[in-house]
Amino acid sequence: MSANLFRTAPDKKRVAAGDTLFTAGHPAGHFHGVVEGSVELIFDGEVRETVSEGGFFGEVGMLGKRIRSATARAKTEAFVARLDEQAFVRLVKRNPFFALGVMRQMAARLEHRDDNPSAP
């Protein structure tokens, strides 16, 4: 994905390395896109994925169960866009292939979970 998709999001913030963006078990309502930097996704105290510029995270919580399955922590200083469901829908309308990218990423994350039963 391109970080440019997230640059126009109205709700963006800069976070320092080590800052927690959200915590596993907490309510979810937003999807996040990395404009700059990188963010770690932590499951059961273990870093399982690093999301870099142009990548996204939090889609499962926003679109699905509404509870965070992971903790997201800035690995480096990062500039992160936060999209609620309405902003996500607007982004999909402007760029339908974005939805396909989200579905592919969700499928890859689920396949990883199937290949690693201890993964979230």
C-alpha atoms as a PDB file:
ATOM      1  CA  MET A   1       0.000   0.000   0.000  1.00  0.00           C
ATOM      2  CA  SER A   2       1.048   3.570  -0.340  1.00  0.00           C
ATOM      3  CA  ALA A   3       1.546   5.901   2.593  1.00  0.00           C
ATOM      4  CA  ASN A   4       0.003   8.561   0.338  1.00  0.00           C
ATOM      5  CA  LEU A   5      -3.412   6.992   0.963  1.00  0.00           C
ATOM      6  CA  PHE A   6      -3.077   7.887   4.635  1.00  0.00           C
ATOM      7  CA  ARG A   7      -1.449  11.323   4.279  1.00  0.00           C
ATOM      8  CA  THR A   8      -4.815  12.977   3.603  1.00  0.00           C
ATOM      9  CA  ALA A   9      -6.521  11.444   6.649  1.00  0.00           C
ATOM     10  CA  PRO A  10      -7.735  14.216   8.948  1.00  0.00           C
ATOM     11  CA  ASP A  11      -6.750  12.421  12.170  1.00  0.00           C
ATOM     12  CA  LYS A  12      -2.971  11.905  12.240  1.00  0.00           C
ATOM     13  CA  LYS A  13      -0.444  12.048  15.030  1.00  0.00           C
ATOM     14  CA  ARG A  14       3.285  11.738  15.564  1.00  0.00           C
ATOM     15  CA  VAL A  15       4.325   9.193  18.176  1.00  0.00           C
ATOM     16  CA  ALA A  16       7.703   8.579  19.797  1.00  0.00           C
ATOM     17  CA  ALA A  17       9.483   5.238  19.656  1.00  0.00           C
ATOM     18  CA  GLY A  18       8.071   3.054  22.419  1.00  0.00           C
ATOM     19  CA  ASP A  19       4.691   4.821  22.613  1.00  0.00           C
ATOM     20  CA  THR A  20       1.669   2.496  22.762  1.00  0.00           C
ATOM     21  CA  LEU A  21      -1.074   3.302  20.251  1.00  0.00           C
ATOM     22  CA  PHE A  22      -3.547   0.770  21.646  1.00  0.00           C
ATOM     23  CA  THR A  23      -3.577  -2.252  23.943  1.00  0.00           C
ATOM     24  CA  ALA A  24      -4.867  -5.802  23.445  1.00  0.00           C
ATOM     25  CA  GLY A  25      -8.239  -6.391  25.058  1.00  0.00           C
ATOM     26  CA  HIS A  26      -9.348  -2.762  24.779  1.00  0.00           C
ATOM     27  CA  PRO A  27     -12.284  -1.674  22.610  1.00  0.00           C
ATOM     28  CA  ALA A  28     -11.505  -1.048  18.946  1.00  0.00           C
ATOM     29  CA  GLY A  29     -13.063   1.581  16.743  1.00  0.00           C
ATOM     30  CA  HIS A  30     -10.275   2.753  14.481  1.00  0.00           C
ATOM     31  CA  PHE A  31      -8.047   1.474  11.729  1.00  0.00           C
ATOM     32  CA  HIS A  32      -4.478   2.831  11.512  1.00  0.00           C
ATOM     33  CA  GLY A  33      -2.166   3.545   8.598  1.00  0.00           C
ATOM     34  CA  VAL A  34       1.561   4.212   8.899  1.00  0.00           C
ATOM     35  CA  VAL A  35       2.552   7.400   7.082  1.00  0.00           C
ATOM     36  CA  GLU A  36       6.166   7.352   8.346  1.00  0.00           C
ATOM     37  CA  GLY A  37       8.156   5.090  10.640  1.00  0.00           C
ATOM     38  CA  SER A  38       7.203   1.641  11.903  1.00  0.00           C
ATOM     39  CA  VAL A  39       4.855   0.073  14.446  1.00  0.00           C
ATOM     40  CA  GLU A  40       5.156  -3.305  16.171  1.00  0.00           C
ATOM     41  CA  LEU A  41       2.161  -5.576  16.722  1.00  0.00           C
ATOM     42  CA  ILE A  42       2.543  -7.485  19.971  1.00  0.00           C
ATOM     43  CA  PHE A  43       0.583 -10.618  20.842  1.00  0.00           C
ATOM     44  CA  ASP A  44       0.970 -12.189  24.279  1.00  0.00           C
ATOM     45  CA  GLY A  45       4.070 -10.106  24.959  1.00  0.00           C
ATOM     46  CA  GLU A  46       5.809 -11.150  21.717  1.00  0.00           C
ATOM     47  CA  VAL A  47       6.398  -8.942  18.669  1.00  0.00           C
ATOM     48  CA  ARG A  48       4.783 -10.847  15.808  1.00  0.00           C
ATOM     49  CA  GLU A  49       4.763  -8.225  13.061  1.00  0.00           C
ATOM     50  CA  THR A  50       6.279  -4.867  12.200  1.00  0.00           C
ATOM     51  CA  VAL A  51       4.193  -2.535  10.043  1.00  0.00           C
ATOM     52  CA  SER A  52       6.122   0.082   8.083  1.00  0.00           C
ATOM     53  CA  GLU A  53       5.329   3.092   5.897  1.00  0.00           C
ATOM     54  CA  GLY A  54       2.244   2.446   3.777  1.00  0.00           C
ATOM     55  CA  GLY A  55       1.137  -0.486   5.915  1.00  0.00           C
ATOM     56  CA  PHE A  56      -1.866  -0.626   8.180  1.00  0.00           C
ATOM     57  CA  PHE A  57      -3.135  -2.336  11.299  1.00  0.00           C
ATOM     58  CA  GLY A  58      -6.241  -2.457  13.479  1.00  0.00           C
ATOM     59  CA  GLU A  59      -8.514  -3.545  10.634  1.00  0.00           C
ATOM     60  CA  VAL A  60      -9.687  -6.709  12.388  1.00  0.00           C
ATOM     61  CA  GLY A  61     -10.809  -4.810  15.478  1.00  0.00           C
ATOM     62  CA  MET A  62     -12.554  -2.108  13.478  1.00  0.00           C
ATOM     63  CA  LEU A  63     -14.238  -4.383  10.956  1.00  0.00           C
ATOM     64  CA  GLY A  64     -14.781  -7.429  13.113  1.00  0.00           C
ATOM     65  CA  LYS A  65     -14.865  -8.211  16.769  1.00  0.00           C
ATOM     66  CA  ARG A  66     -14.407  -4.645  18.081  1.00  0.00           C
ATOM     67  CA  ILE A  67     -11.860  -5.729  20.695  1.00  0.00           C
ATOM     68  CA  ARG A  68      -8.129  -5.328  20.072  1.00  0.00           C
ATOM     69  CA  SER A  69      -6.349  -8.656  19.627  1.00  0.00           C
ATOM     70  CA  ALA A  70      -2.889  -7.073  19.800  1.00  0.00           C
ATOM     71  CA  THR A  71      -1.001  -4.189  21.304  1.00  0.00           C
ATOM     72  CA  ALA A  72       0.435  -1.669  18.827  1.00  0.00           C
ATOM     73  CA  ARG A  73       3.649   0.085  19.845  1.00  0.00           C
ATOM     74  CA  ALA A  74       5.795   2.485  17.822  1.00  0.00           C
ATOM     75  CA  LYS A  75       9.088   0.780  16.995  1.00  0.00           C
ATOM     76  CA  THR A  76      10.516   4.064  15.722  1.00  0.00           C
ATOM     77  CA  GLU A  77       9.254   7.600  15.789  1.00  0.00           C
ATOM     78  CA  ALA A  78       6.173   7.339  13.571  1.00  0.00           C
ATOM     79  CA  PHE A  79       3.476   9.427  11.931  1.00  0.00           C
ATOM     80  CA  VAL A  80       0.235   7.434  12.057  1.00  0.00           C
ATOM     81  CA  ALA A  81      -3.208   8.091  10.576  1.00  0.00           C
ATOM     82  CA  ARG A  82      -6.272   6.992  12.515  1.00  0.00           C
ATOM     83  CA  LEU A  83      -9.446   6.285  10.555  1.00  0.00           C
ATOM     84  CA  ASP A  84     -12.871   5.542  11.949  1.00  0.00           C
ATOM     85  CA  GLU A  85     -15.334   3.437   9.962  1.00  0.00           C
ATOM     86  CA  GLN A  86     -16.703   6.433   8.032  1.00  0.00           C
ATOM     87  CA  ALA A  87     -13.212   7.576   6.992  1.00  0.00           C
ATOM     88  CA  PHE A  88     -12.380   3.991   6.009  1.00  0.00           C
ATOM     89  CA  VAL A  89     -15.482   3.813   3.778  1.00  0.00           C
ATOM     90  CA  ARG A  90     -14.578   7.155   2.148  1.00  0.00           C
ATOM     91  CA  LEU A  91     -11.084   5.849   1.433  1.00  0.00           C
ATOM     92  CA  VAL A  92     -12.506   2.672  -0.123  1.00  0.00           C
ATOM     93  CA  LYS A  93     -14.890   4.709  -2.304  1.00  0.00           C
ATOM     94  CA  ARG A  94     -12.019   6.871  -3.573  1.00  0.00           C
ATOM     95  CA  ASN A  95      -9.743   3.883  -4.120  1.00  0.00           C
ATOM     96  CA  PRO A  96     -11.590   0.551  -4.486  1.00  0.00           C
ATOM     97  CA  PHE A  97      -8.304  -1.342  -4.793  1.00  0.00           C
ATOM     98  CA  PHE A  98      -7.532  -0.278  -1.237  1.00  0.00           C
ATOM     99  CA  ALA A  99     -10.333  -2.601  -0.050  1.00  0.00           C
ATOM    100  CA  LEU A 100      -8.744  -5.451  -1.997  1.00  0.00           C
ATOM    101  CA  GLY A 101      -5.416  -4.714  -0.296  1.00  0.00           C
ATOM    102  CA  VAL A 102      -7.061  -4.796   3.136  1.00  0.00           C
ATOM    103  CA  MET A 103      -8.717  -8.128   2.343  1.00  0.00           C
ATOM    104  CA  ARG A 104      -5.423  -9.583   1.108  1.00  0.00           C
ATOM    105  CA  GLN A 105      -3.604  -8.434   4.240  1.00  0.00           C
ATOM    106  CA  MET A 106      -6.317  -9.849   6.497  1.00  0.00           C
ATOM    107  CA  ALA A 107      -6.129 -13.168   4.620  1.00  0.00           C
ATOM    108  CA  ALA A 108      -2.333 -13.242   4.978  1.00  0.00           C
ATOM    109  CA  ARG A 109      -2.607 -12.560   8.707  1.00  0.00           C
ATOM    110  CA  LEU A 110      -5.199 -15.340   9.067  1.00  0.00           C
ATOM    111  CA  GLU A 111      -3.027 -17.752   7.062  1.00  0.00           C
ATOM    112  CA  HIS A 112      -0.121 -16.912   9.362  1.00  0.00           C
ATOM    113  CA  ARG A 113      -2.343 -17.700  12.322  1.00  0.00           C
ATOM    114  CA  ASP A 114      -3.388 -21.037  10.743  1.00  0.00           C
ATOM    115  CA  ASP A 115       0.275 -21.905  10.087  1.00  0.00           C
ATOM    116  CA  ASN A 116       1.181 -20.970  13.668  1.00  0.00           C
ATOM    117  CA  PRO A 117      -1.567 -22.215  16.005  1.00  0.00           C
ATOM    118  CA  SER A 118      -0.100 -20.295  18.949  1.00  0.00           C
ATOM    119  CA  ALA A 119      -0.398 -17.024  16.985  1.00  0.00           C
ATOM    120  CA  PRO A 120      -3.374 -14.792  17.749  1.00  0.00           C
END
